[in-house]
């Protein structure tokens, strides 16, 4: 029984440590980088389509 309760105490401490590591604030830096990359991808795709199919609706 003592060993089981000791394991439970260790598990509870490790769970509390992981909960304190993440303070719950959003990661705006990572989100901003992803959004900028998405915009750049859209710009690149628009440029590529204009180069490959310059007269798209009127083949």
N, C-alpha and C. Protein backbone atom coordinates (compact mmCIF):
# COMPACT_ATOMS: atom_id res chain seq x y z
N UNK A 1 0.82 -1.20 0.00
CA UNK A 1 0.00 0.00 0.00
C UNK A 1 0.86 1.25 0.00
N UNK A 2 1.93 1.25 0.75
CA UNK A 2 2.76 2.45 0.83
C UNK A 2 3.40 2.75 -0.52
N UNK A 3 3.77 1.71 -1.24
CA UNK A 3 4.38 1.91 -2.55
C UNK A 3 3.36 2.51 -3.53
N UNK A 4 2.15 2.04 -3.47
CA UNK A 4 1.12 2.57 -4.36
C UNK A 4 0.84 4.04 -4.06
N UNK A 5 0.74 4.39 -2.82
CA UNK A 5 0.48 5.79 -2.49
C UNK A 5 1.67 6.67 -2.86
N UNK A 6 2.89 6.14 -2.74
CA UNK A 6 4.07 6.90 -3.15
C UNK A 6 4.03 7.16 -4.66
N UNK A 7 3.63 6.15 -5.43
CA UNK A 7 3.52 6.33 -6.87
C UNK A 7 2.45 7.37 -7.21
N UNK A 8 1.35 7.35 -6.48
CA UNK A 8 0.30 8.34 -6.72
C UNK A 8 0.80 9.75 -6.44
N UNK A 9 1.57 9.91 -5.38
CA UNK A 9 2.11 11.23 -5.04
C UNK A 9 3.05 11.71 -6.14
N UNK A 10 3.89 10.82 -6.65
CA UNK A 10 4.81 11.20 -7.72
C UNK A 10 4.03 11.57 -8.97
N UNK A 11 2.98 10.82 -9.29
CA UNK A 11 2.18 11.12 -10.47
C UNK A 11 1.47 12.47 -10.33
N UNK A 12 0.95 12.76 -9.17
CA UNK A 12 0.26 14.03 -8.94
C UNK A 12 1.24 15.19 -9.07
N UNK A 13 2.44 15.03 -8.55
CA UNK A 13 3.44 16.09 -8.66
C UNK A 13 3.84 16.32 -10.11
N UNK A 14 3.98 15.25 -10.90
CA UNK A 14 4.36 15.41 -12.30
C UNK A 14 3.22 16.06 -13.09
N UNK A 15 1.98 15.75 -12.76
CA UNK A 15 0.84 16.38 -13.43
C UNK A 15 0.79 17.86 -13.08
N UNK A 16 1.03 18.20 -11.84
CA UNK A 16 1.02 19.61 -11.44
C UNK A 16 2.16 20.38 -12.11
N UNK A 17 3.30 19.76 -12.27
CA UNK A 17 4.44 20.42 -12.91
C UNK A 17 4.11 20.70 -14.37
N UNK A 18 3.49 19.74 -15.06
CA UNK A 18 3.12 19.96 -16.46
C UNK A 18 2.03 21.02 -16.59
N UNK A 19 1.12 21.09 -15.64
CA UNK A 19 0.05 22.09 -15.69
C UNK A 19 0.62 23.49 -15.49
N UNK A 20 1.65 23.61 -14.67
CA UNK A 20 2.25 24.91 -14.42
C UNK A 20 3.17 25.35 -15.56
N UNK A 21 3.64 24.40 -16.36
CA UNK A 21 4.54 24.75 -17.46
C UNK A 21 3.81 25.54 -18.53
N UNK A 22 2.54 25.26 -18.76
CA UNK A 22 1.76 25.99 -19.76
C UNK A 22 0.83 26.94 -19.03
N UNK A 23 1.07 28.23 -19.21
CA UNK A 23 0.28 29.21 -18.46
C UNK A 23 -1.05 29.52 -19.12
N UNK A 24 -1.33 28.94 -20.28
CA UNK A 24 -2.62 29.11 -20.91
C UNK A 24 -2.73 30.29 -21.84
N UNK A 25 -1.67 31.07 -21.96
CA UNK A 25 -1.73 32.21 -22.88
C UNK A 25 -1.55 31.71 -24.31
N UNK A 26 -2.27 32.30 -25.25
CA UNK A 26 -2.12 31.88 -26.65
C UNK A 26 -0.74 32.21 -27.18
N UNK A 27 -0.31 31.42 -28.12
CA UNK A 27 1.01 31.61 -28.71
C UNK A 27 0.85 32.47 -29.97
N UNK A 28 0.77 33.78 -29.81
CA UNK A 28 0.51 34.68 -30.92
C UNK A 28 1.68 34.74 -31.89
N UNK A 29 2.88 34.55 -31.43
CA UNK A 29 4.04 34.59 -32.32
C UNK A 29 3.99 33.48 -33.34
N UNK A 30 3.68 32.27 -32.89
CA UNK A 30 3.59 31.13 -33.79
C UNK A 30 2.42 31.31 -34.75
N UNK A 31 1.30 31.79 -34.26
CA UNK A 31 0.13 32.03 -35.09
C UNK A 31 0.43 33.08 -36.15
N UNK A 32 1.12 34.13 -35.78
CA UNK A 32 1.47 35.20 -36.72
C UNK A 32 2.37 34.67 -37.83
N UNK A 33 3.33 33.84 -37.49
CA UNK A 33 4.22 33.26 -38.49
C UNK A 33 3.45 32.39 -39.46
N UNK A 34 2.54 31.57 -38.95
CA UNK A 34 1.74 30.70 -39.82
C UNK A 34 0.85 31.53 -40.74
N UNK A 35 0.24 32.58 -40.22
CA UNK A 35 -0.62 33.42 -41.05
C UNK A 35 0.17 34.13 -42.14
N UNK A 36 1.34 34.62 -41.82
CA UNK A 36 2.19 35.27 -42.82
C UNK A 36 2.60 34.27 -43.90
N UNK A 37 2.94 33.05 -43.50
CA UNK A 37 3.30 32.03 -44.48
C UNK A 37 2.12 31.68 -45.38
N UNK A 38 0.92 31.65 -44.82
CA UNK A 38 -0.28 31.37 -45.63
C UNK A 38 -0.52 32.48 -46.65
N UNK A 39 -0.35 33.72 -46.24
CA UNK A 39 -0.52 34.85 -47.16
C UNK A 39 0.53 34.78 -48.27
N UNK A 40 1.77 34.49 -47.91
CA UNK A 40 2.82 34.38 -48.92
C UNK A 40 2.56 33.24 -49.88
N UNK A 41 2.01 32.15 -49.38
CA UNK A 41 1.66 31.02 -50.25
C UNK A 41 0.57 31.43 -51.24
N UNK A 42 -0.43 32.17 -50.76
CA UNK A 42 -1.51 32.63 -51.65
C UNK A 42 -0.97 33.60 -52.71
N UNK A 43 -0.06 34.47 -52.32
CA UNK A 43 0.56 35.40 -53.27
C UNK A 43 1.33 34.61 -54.32
N UNK A 44 2.09 33.63 -53.88
CA UNK A 44 2.87 32.80 -54.82
C UNK A 44 1.95 32.05 -55.78
N UNK A 45 0.87 31.47 -55.27
CA UNK A 45 -0.06 30.73 -56.13
C UNK A 45 -0.74 31.66 -57.13
N UNK A 46 -1.08 32.86 -56.71
CA UNK A 46 -1.70 33.83 -57.63
C UNK A 46 -0.71 34.22 -58.72
N UNK A 47 0.52 34.48 -58.36
CA UNK A 47 1.55 34.82 -59.34
C UNK A 47 1.78 33.65 -60.30
N UNK A 48 1.85 32.43 -59.78
CA UNK A 48 2.08 31.24 -60.60
C UNK A 48 0.94 31.04 -61.60
N UNK A 49 -0.29 31.18 -61.15
CA UNK A 49 -1.43 31.00 -62.05
C UNK A 49 -1.45 32.09 -63.13
N UNK A 50 -1.03 33.30 -62.78
CA UNK A 50 -0.98 34.38 -63.77
C UNK A 50 0.10 34.11 -64.81
N UNK A 51 1.20 33.50 -64.42
CA UNK A 51 2.28 33.18 -65.34
C UNK A 51 1.94 31.99 -66.23
N UNK A 52 1.34 30.97 -65.65
CA UNK A 52 1.06 29.74 -66.40
C UNK A 52 -0.18 29.91 -67.28
N UNK A 53 -1.22 30.52 -66.75
CA UNK A 53 -2.47 30.72 -67.47
C UNK A 53 -2.80 32.21 -67.53
N UNK A 54 -2.12 32.96 -68.39
CA UNK A 54 -2.34 34.41 -68.40
C UNK A 54 -3.73 34.82 -68.88
N UNK A 55 -4.36 34.01 -69.73
CA UNK A 55 -5.67 34.36 -70.25
C UNK A 55 -6.65 33.27 -69.82
N UNK A 56 -6.82 33.12 -68.52
CA UNK A 56 -7.52 31.95 -67.97
C UNK A 56 -8.94 31.75 -68.47
N UNK A 57 -9.82 32.72 -68.41
CA UNK A 57 -11.21 32.42 -68.81
C UNK A 57 -11.37 32.18 -70.31
N UNK A 58 -10.49 32.74 -71.12
CA UNK A 58 -10.62 32.64 -72.58
C UNK A 58 -9.52 31.76 -73.16
N UNK A 59 -9.65 30.48 -72.99
CA UNK A 59 -8.61 29.58 -73.52
C UNK A 59 -8.58 29.67 -75.00
